Amino acid sequence: MMAATATGEASTGTVARTRVEVFLGKGGVGKTTCSAATALQLADDGQPSLVVSTDPTPSLSHLFDITGEHREREVRAGLFLTELGLEDVRNMWNEAFGRDVYGVFSSFVDVDYGTFVRFMTSVLPGLNEEFMVDYIRRLALEGRYRHVVWDTAPLGQTLALLGMPSMLAEHLRAAPRIYSRLRTAGERKESVLEILGRWQDLAAECMAFLRRDVVLSMVTIPERLALCQLDGVVEELGRYDLRISRLIVNNVVGVTDSPFLAQKRQQQQAHLEQLRERHGDLPIVEIPLFPQEVRGVERLQTIGRLLCPAGAEVGQRADAE
């Protein structure tokens, strides 16, 4: 197996920084395909790359026609694939805060630890994604890959959740004395506010990472509803001072050899014109509608060449100098 540590530049002795690109988009617009195609193209260009899916029903393995375990698995020279699920998130929660927070809650709620962890990781919207952000952040810090490409859902719930520790801390500070009577968390004798403080620190690190080190690529399709949703997501990201670096429009009709396709293209062109008017300050990449299902290396390579043109600097933030 090829080592995933080839991030250094042999000629200069310097170490190249891991670049992280996140593909956002509503379900069904093709963000998984774009993620896989980008990572594949980068690997084919000799840049060790990891593509990560945190979708509850991941499909990366289907795109590459592989079965079995998918944890940093090498599917092609220099290309590694990871699919993470809810159980992985529970383990992350357990490692970071599980026992400490359980020590607080178990002082006034009769619940076993396993049930508590399942509750916390299932009922809080966005908690899964917050720990996924931290997982991606730590991957980037390790520097084992030249590129990390992340296929995820829109970050709205995650962004809202990143503010939760601060809100809880403020609430507890102003709450009645009952909170002060909660016993400390386990043997560490750490107060609930101290635990929330550590959670706050993690949330702040994740947000700084998203703002500073991550390239956000938004995937959409040329349909009216999709464009309306796109406007909402862009506005939502803007509230957290996050900017999209490029737009990718998938399934654009190019060949019009039937009345159906001709009419479809006419409708799409009207939507594309609206897209350019609203977001003309962003680079826009159009991916054609293919007659066959995009699956397997060869078809992914076709899309990869569109997303990563020869000589282009991939993973460059739009606001970078």
C-alpha atoms as a PDB file:
ATOM      1  CA  MET A   1       0.000   0.000   0.000  1.00  0.00           C
ATOM      2  CA  MET A   2       1.217   3.460  -0.850  1.00  0.00           C
ATOM      3  CA  ALA A   3       2.114   5.531   2.183  1.00  0.00           C
ATOM      4  CA  ALA A   4      -0.195   8.477   2.774  1.00  0.00           C
ATOM      5  CA  THR A   5       2.547  10.715   4.096  1.00  0.00           C
ATOM      6  CA  ALA A   6       4.032  12.049   0.891  1.00  0.00           C
ATOM      7  CA  THR A   7       3.225  15.683   1.568  1.00  0.00           C
ATOM      8  CA  GLY A   8       6.784  16.976   1.505  1.00  0.00           C
ATOM      9  CA  GLU A   9       8.448  18.766  -1.399  1.00  0.00           C
ATOM     10  CA  ALA A  10      11.634  16.809  -2.124  1.00  0.00           C
ATOM     11  CA  SER A  11      13.385  19.588  -4.012  1.00  0.00           C
ATOM     12  CA  THR A  12      13.082  22.169  -1.236  1.00  0.00           C
ATOM     13  CA  GLY A  13      12.740  20.069   1.894  1.00  0.00           C
ATOM     14  CA  THR A  14       9.607  22.020   2.864  1.00  0.00           C
ATOM     15  CA  VAL A  15       6.348  20.377   3.843  1.00  0.00           C
ATOM     16  CA  ALA A  16       3.253  21.196   1.813  1.00  0.00           C
ATOM     17  CA  ARG A  17       0.193  22.078   3.855  1.00  0.00           C
ATOM     18  CA  THR A  18      -2.853  19.829   3.663  1.00  0.00           C
ATOM     19  CA  ARG A  19      -5.630  21.498   1.711  1.00  0.00           C
ATOM     20  CA  VAL A  20      -9.235  20.835   2.660  1.00  0.00           C
ATOM     21  CA  GLU A  21     -12.143  21.229   0.260  1.00  0.00           C
ATOM     22  CA  VAL A  22     -15.723  20.735   1.391  1.00  0.00           C
ATOM     23  CA  PHE A  23     -18.509  20.035  -1.088  1.00  0.00           C
ATOM     24  CA  LEU A  24     -21.872  21.333   0.092  1.00  0.00           C
ATOM     25  CA  GLY A  25     -25.278  20.832  -1.447  1.00  0.00           C
ATOM     26  CA  LYS A  26     -28.791  19.594  -0.980  1.00  0.00           C
ATOM     27  CA  GLY A  27     -29.419  15.893  -1.357  1.00  0.00           C
ATOM     28  CA  GLY A  28     -29.313  14.530  -4.891  1.00  0.00           C
ATOM     29  CA  VAL A  29     -27.405  17.355  -6.600  1.00  0.00           C
ATOM     30  CA  GLY A  30     -24.205  15.343  -7.065  1.00  0.00           C
ATOM     31  CA  LYS A  31     -21.871  16.532  -4.310  1.00  0.00           C
ATOM     32  CA  THR A  32     -20.652  12.988  -3.622  1.00  0.00           C
ATOM     33  CA  THR A  33     -19.794  12.533  -7.297  1.00  0.00           C
ATOM     34  CA  CYS A  34     -17.951  15.866  -7.360  1.00  0.00           C
ATOM     35  CA  SER A  35     -16.035  14.988  -4.188  1.00  0.00           C
ATOM     36  CA  ALA A  36     -14.970  11.601  -5.531  1.00  0.00           C
ATOM     37  CA  ALA A  37     -14.023  13.003  -8.938  1.00  0.00           C
ATOM     38  CA  THR A  38     -11.943  15.805  -7.402  1.00  0.00           C
ATOM     39  CA  ALA A  39     -10.011  13.508  -5.077  1.00  0.00           C
ATOM     40  CA  LEU A  40      -9.441  11.051  -7.937  1.00  0.00           C
ATOM     41  CA  GLN A  41      -8.062  13.747 -10.235  1.00  0.00           C
ATOM     42  CA  LEU A  42      -5.739  15.057  -7.544  1.00  0.00           C
ATOM     43  CA  ALA A  43      -4.430  11.558  -6.838  1.00  0.00           C
ATOM     44  CA  ASP A  44      -3.895  10.932 -10.556  1.00  0.00           C
ATOM     45  CA  ASP A  45      -1.847  14.152 -10.582  1.00  0.00           C
ATOM     46  CA  GLY A  46       0.440  12.635  -7.952  1.00  0.00           C
ATOM     47  CA  GLN A  47      -1.039  14.375  -4.894  1.00  0.00           C
ATOM     48  CA  PRO A  48      -2.042  11.920  -2.124  1.00  0.00           C
ATOM     49  CA  SER A  49      -5.684  12.587  -1.376  1.00  0.00           C
ATOM     50  CA  LEU A  50      -8.341  11.377   1.046  1.00  0.00           C
ATOM     51  CA  VAL A  51     -12.036  11.649   0.209  1.00  0.00           C
ATOM     52  CA  VAL A  52     -14.305  11.518   3.256  1.00  0.00           C
ATOM     53  CA  SER A  53     -18.052  10.981   3.395  1.00  0.00           C
ATOM     54  CA  THR A  54     -20.071  11.721   6.521  1.00  0.00           C
ATOM     55  CA  ASP A  55     -23.410  11.005   4.877  1.00  0.00           C
ATOM     56  CA  PRO A  56     -25.689   8.744   6.986  1.00  0.00           C
ATOM     57  CA  THR A  57     -26.144   6.653   3.831  1.00  0.00           C
ATOM     58  CA  PRO A  58     -22.697   6.978   2.202  1.00  0.00           C
ATOM     59  CA  SER A  59     -22.330   6.191  -1.502  1.00  0.00           C
ATOM     60  CA  LEU A  60     -18.637   6.816  -2.151  1.00  0.00           C
ATOM     61  CA  SER A  61     -17.918   3.098  -2.132  1.00  0.00           C
ATOM     62  CA  HIS A  62     -20.615   2.537  -4.757  1.00  0.00           C
ATOM     63  CA  LEU A  63     -19.062   5.132  -7.044  1.00  0.00           C
ATOM     64  CA  PHE A  64     -15.769   3.250  -6.942  1.00  0.00           C
ATOM     65  CA  ASP A  65     -17.428  -0.186  -7.071  1.00  0.00           C
ATOM     66  CA  ILE A  66     -15.771  -1.424  -3.874  1.00  0.00           C
ATOM     67  CA  THR A  67     -17.024  -3.427  -0.900  1.00  0.00           C
ATOM     68  CA  GLY A  68     -15.742  -4.125   2.592  1.00  0.00           C
ATOM     69  CA  GLU A  69     -14.304  -1.765   5.196  1.00  0.00           C
ATOM     70  CA  HIS A  70     -13.918   1.845   4.088  1.00  0.00           C
ATOM     71  CA  ARG A  71     -11.639   3.505   6.640  1.00  0.00           C
ATOM     72  CA  GLU A  72      -8.769   5.322   4.927  1.00  0.00           C
ATOM     73  CA  ARG A  73      -8.771   2.534   2.379  1.00  0.00           C
ATOM     74  CA  GLU A  74      -6.576   2.930  -0.687  1.00  0.00           C
ATOM     75  CA  VAL A  75      -8.815   2.481  -3.729  1.00  0.00           C
ATOM     76  CA  ARG A  76      -6.252   3.678  -6.265  1.00  0.00           C
ATOM     77  CA  ALA A  77      -2.609   4.742  -6.098  1.00  0.00           C
ATOM     78  CA  GLY A  78      -2.570   7.847  -3.909  1.00  0.00           C
ATOM     79  CA  LEU A  79      -6.351   7.892  -3.429  1.00  0.00           C
ATOM     80  CA  PHE A  80      -7.836   6.931  -0.069  1.00  0.00           C
ATOM     81  CA  LEU A  81     -11.489   6.709   0.962  1.00  0.00           C
ATOM     82  CA  THR A  82     -13.214   6.963   4.329  1.00  0.00           C
ATOM     83  CA  GLU A  83     -16.899   6.628   5.159  1.00  0.00           C
ATOM     84  CA  LEU A  84     -17.956   7.619   8.675  1.00  0.00           C
ATOM     85  CA  GLY A  85     -21.272   6.855  10.336  1.00  0.00           C
ATOM     86  CA  LEU A  86     -23.179   7.569  13.525  1.00  0.00           C
ATOM     87  CA  GLU A  87     -21.225   5.008  15.539  1.00  0.00           C
ATOM     88  CA  ASP A  88     -17.994   6.844  14.719  1.00  0.00           C
ATOM     89  CA  VAL A  89     -19.533  10.087  15.976  1.00  0.00           C
ATOM     90  CA  ARG A  90     -20.574   8.413  19.206  1.00  0.00           C
ATOM     91  CA  ASN A  91     -17.009   7.290  19.725  1.00  0.00           C
ATOM     92  CA  MET A  92     -15.771  10.852  19.120  1.00  0.00           C
ATOM     93  CA  TRP A  93     -18.294  12.219  21.618  1.00  0.00           C
ATOM     94  CA  ASN A  94     -17.313   9.570  24.136  1.00  0.00           C
ATOM     95  CA  GLU A  95     -13.624  10.391  23.790  1.00  0.00           C
ATOM     96  CA  ALA A  96     -14.069  14.152  24.064  1.00  0.00           C
ATOM     97  CA  PHE A  97     -16.909  14.722  26.541  1.00  0.00           C
ATOM     98  CA  GLY A  98     -19.034  11.634  27.065  1.00  0.00           C
ATOM     99  CA  ARG A  99     -18.017  10.520  30.539  1.00  0.00           C
ATOM    100  CA  ASP A 100     -17.623  14.037  31.887  1.00  0.00           C
ATOM    101  CA  VAL A 101     -21.028  15.260  30.704  1.00  0.00           C
ATOM    102  CA  TYR A 102     -22.639  12.003  31.812  1.00  0.00           C
ATOM    103  CA  GLY A 103     -21.240  12.578  35.297  1.00  0.00           C
ATOM    104  CA  VAL A 104     -23.187  15.827  35.467  1.00  0.00           C
ATOM    105  CA  PHE A 105     -26.467  14.578  34.015  1.00  0.00           C
ATOM    106  CA  SER A 106     -26.492  11.319  35.955  1.00  0.00           C
ATOM    107  CA  SER A 107     -26.613  13.309  39.187  1.00  0.00           C
ATOM    108  CA  PHE A 108     -30.251  14.131  38.549  1.00  0.00           C
ATOM    109  CA  VAL A 109     -31.319  11.761  35.712  1.00  0.00           C
ATOM    110  CA  ASP A 110     -31.392   7.991  36.151  1.00  0.00           C
ATOM    111  CA  VAL A 111     -29.983   6.820  32.799  1.00  0.00           C
ATOM    112  CA  ASP A 112     -27.264   4.357  31.868  1.00  0.00           C
ATOM    113  CA  TYR A 113     -24.235   5.597  29.966  1.00  0.00           C
ATOM    114  CA  GLY A 114     -24.953   3.842  26.668  1.00  0.00           C
ATOM    115  CA  THR A 115     -28.472   5.244  26.496  1.00  0.00           C
ATOM    116  CA  PHE A 116     -27.180   8.694  27.382  1.00  0.00           C
ATOM    117  CA  VAL A 117     -24.585   8.718  24.569  1.00  0.00           C
ATOM    118  CA  ARG A 118     -27.138   7.501  22.021  1.00  0.00           C
ATOM    119  CA  PHE A 119     -29.514  10.220  23.141  1.00  0.00           C
ATOM    120  CA  MET A 120     -26.942  13.012  22.970  1.00  0.00           C
ATOM    121  CA  THR A 121     -25.623  12.045  19.532  1.00  0.00           C
ATOM    122  CA  SER A 122     -29.074  11.477  18.057  1.00  0.00           C
ATOM    123  CA  VAL A 123     -31.287  14.228  19.446  1.00  0.00           C
ATOM    124  CA  LEU A 124     -28.994  17.260  19.147  1.00  0.00           C
ATOM    125  CA  PRO A 125     -29.135  18.573  15.557  1.00  0.00           C
ATOM    126  CA  GLY A 126     -25.712  19.097  14.098  1.00  0.00           C
ATOM    127  CA  LEU A 127     -23.741  17.405  16.884  1.00  0.00           C
ATOM    128  CA  ASN A 128     -22.631  14.707  14.458  1.00  0.00           C
ATOM    129  CA  GLU A 129     -21.296  17.269  12.011  1.00  0.00           C
ATOM    130  CA  GLU A 130     -19.495  19.258  14.713  1.00  0.00           C
ATOM    131  CA  PHE A 131     -17.380  16.265  15.622  1.00  0.00           C
ATOM    132  CA  MET A 132     -16.887  15.511  11.939  1.00  0.00           C
ATOM    133  CA  VAL A 133     -15.513  19.041  11.495  1.00  0.00           C
ATOM    134  CA  ASP A 134     -13.095  18.352  14.333  1.00  0.00           C
ATOM    135  CA  TYR A 135     -12.136  15.029  12.740  1.00  0.00           C
ATOM    136  CA  ILE A 136     -11.370  16.747   9.417  1.00  0.00           C
ATOM    137  CA  ARG A 137      -9.487  19.505  11.252  1.00  0.00           C
ATOM    138  CA  ARG A 138      -7.246  16.977  12.994  1.00  0.00           C
ATOM    139  CA  LEU A 139      -6.640  15.163   9.702  1.00  0.00           C
ATOM    140  CA  ALA A 140      -5.419  18.424   8.213  1.00  0.00           C
ATOM    141  CA  LEU A 141      -3.129  19.062  11.177  1.00  0.00           C
ATOM    142  CA  GLU A 142      -1.601  15.597  10.846  1.00  0.00           C
ATOM    143  CA  GLY A 143      -0.559  16.404   7.274  1.00  0.00           C
ATOM    144  CA  ARG A 144      -0.660  12.798   6.070  1.00  0.00           C
ATOM    145  CA  TYR A 145      -2.449  13.798   2.852  1.00  0.00           C
ATOM    146  CA  ARG A 146      -1.870  16.605   0.386  1.00  0.00           C
ATOM    147  CA  HIS A 147      -5.631  17.037   0.022  1.00  0.00           C
ATOM    148  CA  VAL A 148      -8.654  16.102   2.104  1.00  0.00           C
ATOM    149  CA  VAL A 149     -11.931  16.276   0.187  1.00  0.00           C
ATOM    150  CA  TRP A 150     -15.063  16.179   2.332  1.00  0.00           C
ATOM    151  CA  ASP A 151     -18.509  15.259   1.053  1.00  0.00           C
ATOM    152  CA  THR A 152     -21.055  16.650   3.497  1.00  0.00           C
ATOM    153  CA  ALA A 153     -24.480  18.224   3.841  1.00  0.00           C
ATOM    154  CA  PRO A 154     -24.981  21.994   4.227  1.00  0.00           C
ATOM    155  CA  LEU A 155     -23.395  23.162   7.462  1.00  0.00           C
ATOM    156  CA  GLY A 156     -26.380  25.100   8.805  1.00  0.00           C
ATOM    157  CA  GLN A 157     -27.157  22.835  11.739  1.00  0.00           C
ATOM    158  CA  THR A 158     -23.486  22.487  12.541  1.00  0.00           C
ATOM    159  CA  LEU A 159     -22.953  26.225  12.560  1.00  0.00           C
ATOM    160  CA  ALA A 160     -25.904  26.758  14.867  1.00  0.00           C
ATOM    161  CA  LEU A 161     -24.671  24.030  17.198  1.00  0.00           C
ATOM    162  CA  LEU A 162     -21.207  25.558  17.441  1.00  0.00           C
ATOM    163  CA  GLY A 163     -22.805  28.333  19.468  1.00  0.00           C
ATOM    164  CA  MET A 164     -24.567  25.944  21.834  1.00  0.00           C
ATOM    165  CA  PRO A 165     -21.817  25.630  24.498  1.00  0.00           C
ATOM    166  CA  SER A 166     -21.683  29.399  24.920  1.00  0.00           C
ATOM    167  CA  MET A 167     -25.464  29.628  25.209  1.00  0.00           C
ATOM    168  CA  LEU A 168     -25.570  26.811  27.771  1.00  0.00           C
ATOM    169  CA  ALA A 169     -22.783  28.385  29.787  1.00  0.00           C
ATOM    170  CA  GLU A 170     -24.551  31.739  29.889  1.00  0.00           C
ATOM    171  CA  HIS A 171     -27.792  30.034  30.893  1.00  0.00           C
ATOM    172  CA  LEU A 172     -26.155  28.172  33.750  1.00  0.00           C
ATOM    173  CA  ARG A 173     -24.421  31.266  35.061  1.00  0.00           C
ATOM    174  CA  ALA A 174     -27.769  33.045  35.303  1.00  0.00           C
ATOM    175  CA  ALA A 175     -29.792  30.015  36.411  1.00  0.00           C
ATOM    176  CA  PRO A 176     -31.159  29.323  39.898  1.00  0.00           C
ATOM    177  CA  ARG A 177     -29.009  27.795  42.593  1.00  0.00           C
ATOM    178  CA  ILE A 178     -30.025  24.279  41.669  1.00  0.00           C
ATOM    179  CA  TYR A 179     -27.274  24.235  39.055  1.00  0.00           C
ATOM    180  CA  SER A 180     -24.674  25.058  41.626  1.00  0.00           C
ATOM    181  CA  ARG A 181     -25.775  21.994  43.570  1.00  0.00           C
ATOM    182  CA  LEU A 182     -25.010  19.597  40.712  1.00  0.00           C
ATOM    183  CA  ARG A 183     -22.162  17.359  41.683  1.00  0.00           C
ATOM    184  CA  THR A 184     -18.907  17.570  39.761  1.00  0.00           C
ATOM    185  CA  ALA A 185     -18.293  15.317  36.781  1.00  0.00           C
ATOM    186  CA  GLY A 186     -16.887  11.980  37.877  1.00  0.00           C
ATOM    187  CA  GLU A 187     -13.520  11.536  39.522  1.00  0.00           C
ATOM    188  CA  ARG A 188     -12.056  14.589  37.770  1.00  0.00           C
ATOM    189  CA  LYS A 189     -14.160  16.858  39.985  1.00  0.00           C
ATOM    190  CA  GLU A 190     -14.701  19.154  37.019  1.00  0.00           C
ATOM    191  CA  SER A 191     -17.678  21.500  37.193  1.00  0.00           C
ATOM    192  CA  VAL A 192     -20.337  21.618  34.513  1.00  0.00           C
ATOM    193  CA  LEU A 193     -19.150  25.093  33.536  1.00  0.00           C
ATOM    194  CA  GLU A 194     -15.603  23.829  33.110  1.00  0.00           C
ATOM    195  CA  ILE A 195     -16.852  21.027  30.870  1.00  0.00           C
ATOM    196  CA  LEU A 196     -18.841  23.510  28.807  1.00  0.00           C
ATOM    197  CA  GLY A 197     -15.736  25.663  28.635  1.00  0.00           C
ATOM    198  CA  ARG A 198     -13.847  22.825  26.960  1.00  0.00           C
ATOM    199  CA  TRP A 199     -16.770  22.303  24.604  1.00  0.00           C
ATOM    200  CA  GLN A 200     -16.701  26.032  23.829  1.00  0.00           C
ATOM    201  CA  ASP A 201     -13.001  25.793  23.004  1.00  0.00           C
ATOM    202  CA  LEU A 202     -13.644  22.930  20.583  1.00  0.00           C
ATOM    203  CA  ALA A 203     -16.489  24.828  18.915  1.00  0.00           C
ATOM    204  CA  ALA A 204     -14.288  27.914  18.520  1.00  0.00           C
ATOM    205  CA  GLU A 205     -11.460  25.848  17.009  1.00  0.00           C
ATOM    206  CA  CYS A 206     -13.863  24.224  14.545  1.00  0.00           C
ATOM    207  CA  MET A 207     -15.296  27.557  13.459  1.00  0.00           C
ATOM    208  CA  ALA A 208     -11.847  29.112  13.041  1.00  0.00           C
ATOM    209  CA  PHE A 209     -10.826  26.102  10.955  1.00  0.00           C
ATOM    210  CA  LEU A 210     -13.848  26.468   8.669  1.00  0.00           C
ATOM    211  CA  ARG A 211     -13.206  30.181   8.183  1.00  0.00           C
ATOM    212  CA  ARG A 212      -9.446  30.029   7.752  1.00  0.00           C
ATOM    213  CA  ASP A 213      -8.458  26.728   6.197  1.00  0.00           C
ATOM    214  CA  VAL A 214     -11.403  25.248   4.284  1.00  0.00           C
ATOM    215  CA  VAL A 215     -12.412  25.808   0.668  1.00  0.00           C
ATOM    216  CA  LEU A 216     -16.194  25.653   0.308  1.00  0.00           C
ATOM    217  CA  SER A 217     -17.555  24.453  -3.045  1.00  0.00           C
ATOM    218  CA  MET A 218     -21.316  24.549  -3.486  1.00  0.00           C
ATOM    219  CA  VAL A 219     -22.965  22.002  -5.783  1.00  0.00           C
ATOM    220  CA  THR A 220     -26.389  22.670  -7.295  1.00  0.00           C
ATOM    221  CA  ILE A 221     -28.493  21.848 -10.358  1.00  0.00           C
ATOM    222  CA  PRO A 222     -30.112  24.266 -12.841  1.00  0.00           C
ATOM    223  CA  GLU A 223     -33.634  24.078 -11.459  1.00  0.00           C
ATOM    224  CA  ARG A 224     -35.735  26.777  -9.840  1.00  0.00           C
ATOM    225  CA  LEU A 225     -36.141  25.122  -6.438  1.00  0.00           C
ATOM    226  CA  ALA A 226     -32.439  24.288  -6.235  1.00  0.00           C
ATOM    227  CA  LEU A 227     -31.475  27.892  -6.953  1.00  0.00           C
ATOM    228  CA  CYS A 228     -33.865  29.173  -4.287  1.00  0.00           C
ATOM    229  CA  GLN A 229     -32.305  26.770  -1.796  1.00  0.00           C
ATOM    230  CA  LEU A 230     -28.849  27.892  -2.884  1.00  0.00           C
ATOM    231  CA  ASP A 231     -29.642  31.518  -2.062  1.00  0.00           C
ATOM    232  CA  GLY A 232     -30.714  30.477   1.437  1.00  0.00           C
ATOM    233  CA  VAL A 233     -27.571  28.437   2.078  1.00  0.00           C
ATOM    234  CA  VAL A 234     -25.271  31.217   0.839  1.00  0.00           C
ATOM    235  CA  GLU A 235     -27.044  33.702   3.095  1.00  0.00           C
ATOM    236  CA  GLU A 236     -26.832  31.329   6.048  1.00  0.00           C
ATOM    237  CA  LEU A 237     -23.111  30.763   5.569  1.00  0.00           C
ATOM    238  CA  GLY A 238     -22.601  34.509   5.288  1.00  0.00           C
ATOM    239  CA  ARG A 239     -24.074  35.017   8.748  1.00  0.00           C
ATOM    240  CA  TYR A 240     -21.145  33.011  10.091  1.00  0.00           C
ATOM    241  CA  ASP A 241     -18.611  34.855   7.938  1.00  0.00           C
ATOM    242  CA  LEU A 242     -18.084  31.838   5.667  1.00  0.00           C
ATOM    243  CA  ARG A 243     -17.714  32.355   1.930  1.00  0.00           C
ATOM    244  CA  ILE A 244     -18.176  29.965  -0.955  1.00  0.00           C
ATOM    245  CA  SER A 245     -15.189  29.751  -3.303  1.00  0.00           C
ATOM    246  CA  ARG A 246     -16.993  28.386  -6.360  1.00  0.00           C
ATOM    247  CA  LEU A 247     -20.321  27.088  -7.642  1.00  0.00           C
ATOM    248  CA  ILE A 248     -20.658  23.776  -9.434  1.00  0.00           C
ATOM    249  CA  VAL A 249     -23.768  23.307 -11.552  1.00  0.00           C
ATOM    250  CA  ASN A 250     -24.437  19.651 -12.232  1.00  0.00           C
ATOM    251  CA  ASN A 251     -26.512  17.916 -14.926  1.00  0.00           C
ATOM    252  CA  VAL A 252     -26.443  20.744 -17.478  1.00  0.00           C
ATOM    253  CA  VAL A 253     -27.996  19.638 -20.782  1.00  0.00           C
ATOM    254  CA  GLY A 254     -25.594  20.113 -23.674  1.00  0.00           C
ATOM    255  CA  VAL A 255     -26.786  17.841 -26.470  1.00  0.00           C
ATOM    256  CA  THR A 256     -30.286  18.659 -27.723  1.00  0.00           C
ATOM    257  CA  ASP A 257     -31.063  15.850 -30.162  1.00  0.00           C
ATOM    258  CA  SER A 258     -34.673  15.490 -29.081  1.00  0.00           C
ATOM    259  CA  PRO A 259     -37.577  17.900 -28.403  1.00  0.00           C
ATOM    260  CA  PHE A 260     -37.455  16.892 -24.733  1.00  0.00           C
ATOM    261  CA  LEU A 261     -33.774  17.780 -24.334  1.00  0.00           C
ATOM    262  CA  ALA A 262     -34.197  20.984 -26.329  1.00  0.00           C
ATOM    263  CA  GLN A 263     -36.960  22.157 -24.014  1.00  0.00           C
ATOM    264  CA  LYS A 264     -35.007  21.048 -20.952  1.00  0.00           C
ATOM    265  CA  ARG A 265     -31.951  23.006 -22.066  1.00  0.00           C
ATOM    266  CA  GLN A 266     -34.040  26.117 -22.687  1.00  0.00           C
ATOM    267  CA  GLN A 267     -35.414  25.959 -19.151  1.00  0.00           C
ATOM    268  CA  GLN A 268     -31.972  25.340 -17.698  1.00  0.00           C
ATOM    269  CA  GLN A 269     -30.394  28.242 -19.535  1.00  0.00           C
ATOM    270  CA  ALA A 270     -32.912  30.618 -17.990  1.00  0.00           C
ATOM    271  CA  HIS A 271     -31.995  29.346 -14.527  1.00  0.00           C
ATOM    272  CA  LEU A 272     -28.283  29.548 -15.307  1.00  0.00           C
ATOM    273  CA  GLU A 273     -28.694  33.170 -16.343  1.00  0.00           C
ATOM    274  CA  GLN A 274     -30.354  33.924 -13.003  1.00  0.00           C
ATOM    275  CA  LEU A 275     -27.522  32.140 -11.249  1.00  0.00           C
ATOM    276  CA  ARG A 276     -24.925  34.284 -13.015  1.00  0.00           C
ATOM    277  CA  GLU A 277     -26.827  37.446 -12.149  1.00  0.00           C
ATOM    278  CA  ARG A 278     -27.053  36.569  -8.452  1.00  0.00           C
ATOM    279  CA  HIS A 279     -23.628  34.982  -7.975  1.00  0.00           C
ATOM    280  CA  GLY A 280     -21.586  36.268 -10.884  1.00  0.00           C
ATOM    281  CA  ASP A 281     -18.717  37.151  -8.547  1.00  0.00           C
ATOM    282  CA  LEU A 282     -18.018  33.441  -8.042  1.00  0.00           C
ATOM    283  CA  PRO A 283     -16.351  31.015 -10.462  1.00  0.00           C
ATOM    284  CA  ILE A 284     -19.019  28.729 -11.935  1.00  0.00           C
ATOM    285  CA  VAL A 285     -18.204  25.242 -13.224  1.00  0.00           C
ATOM    286  CA  GLU A 286     -20.794  23.444 -15.361  1.00  0.00           C
ATOM    287  CA  ILE A 287     -20.925  19.639 -15.352  1.00  0.00           C
ATOM    288  CA  PRO A 288     -22.839  18.187 -18.310  1.00  0.00           C
ATOM    289  CA  LEU A 289     -25.700  15.741 -18.044  1.00  0.00           C
ATOM    290  CA  PHE A 290     -24.304  12.351 -18.991  1.00  0.00           C
ATOM    291  CA  PRO A 291     -26.384   9.715 -20.804  1.00  0.00           C
ATOM    292  CA  GLN A 292     -25.196   7.037 -18.402  1.00  0.00           C
ATOM    293  CA  GLU A 293     -24.862   6.748 -14.634  1.00  0.00           C
ATOM    294  CA  VAL A 294     -21.625   8.237 -13.309  1.00  0.00           C
ATOM    295  CA  ARG A 295     -19.919   5.271 -11.713  1.00  0.00           C
ATOM    296  CA  GLY A 296     -16.430   3.843 -11.896  1.00  0.00           C
ATOM    297  CA  VAL A 297     -13.026   5.435 -12.314  1.00  0.00           C
ATOM    298  CA  GLU A 298     -13.230   6.306 -16.003  1.00  0.00           C
ATOM    299  CA  ARG A 299     -16.431   8.324 -15.745  1.00  0.00           C
ATOM    300  CA  LEU A 300     -15.290  10.012 -12.552  1.00  0.00           C
ATOM    301  CA  GLN A 301     -12.096  11.040 -14.318  1.00  0.00           C
ATOM    302  CA  THR A 302     -14.160  12.860 -16.957  1.00  0.00           C
ATOM    303  CA  ILE A 303     -15.774  14.991 -14.259  1.00  0.00           C
ATOM    304  CA  GLY A 304     -12.491  15.375 -12.399  1.00  0.00           C
ATOM    305  CA  ARG A 305     -10.865  17.022 -15.419  1.00  0.00           C
ATOM    306  CA  LEU A 306     -13.666  19.598 -15.463  1.00  0.00           C
ATOM    307  CA  LEU A 307     -13.347  20.321 -11.749  1.00  0.00           C
ATOM    308  CA  CYS A 308      -9.533  20.329 -11.702  1.00  0.00           C
ATOM    309  CA  PRO A 309      -8.293  21.699 -15.042  1.00  0.00           C
ATOM    310  CA  ALA A 310      -4.648  21.054 -15.857  1.00  0.00           C
ATOM    311  CA  GLY A 311      -2.443  23.732 -14.320  1.00  0.00           C
ATOM    312  CA  ALA A 312      -5.182  25.109 -12.063  1.00  0.00           C
ATOM    313  CA  GLU A 313      -4.480  25.585  -8.365  1.00  0.00           C
ATOM    314  CA  VAL A 314      -6.951  23.343  -6.575  1.00  0.00           C
ATOM    315  CA  GLY A 315      -7.968  24.118  -3.022  1.00  0.00           C
ATOM    316  CA  GLN A 316      -7.235  27.838  -3.213  1.00  0.00           C
ATOM    317  CA  ARG A 317      -9.501  29.973  -1.076  1.00  0.00           C
ATOM    318  CA  ALA A 318     -11.303  32.713  -2.917  1.00  0.00           C
ATOM    319  CA  ASP A 319      -9.979  35.338  -0.518  1.00  0.00           C
ATOM    320  CA  ALA A 320      -6.389  34.083  -0.483  1.00  0.00           C
ATOM    321  CA  GLU A 321      -3.681  36.378  -1.703  1.00  0.00           C
END
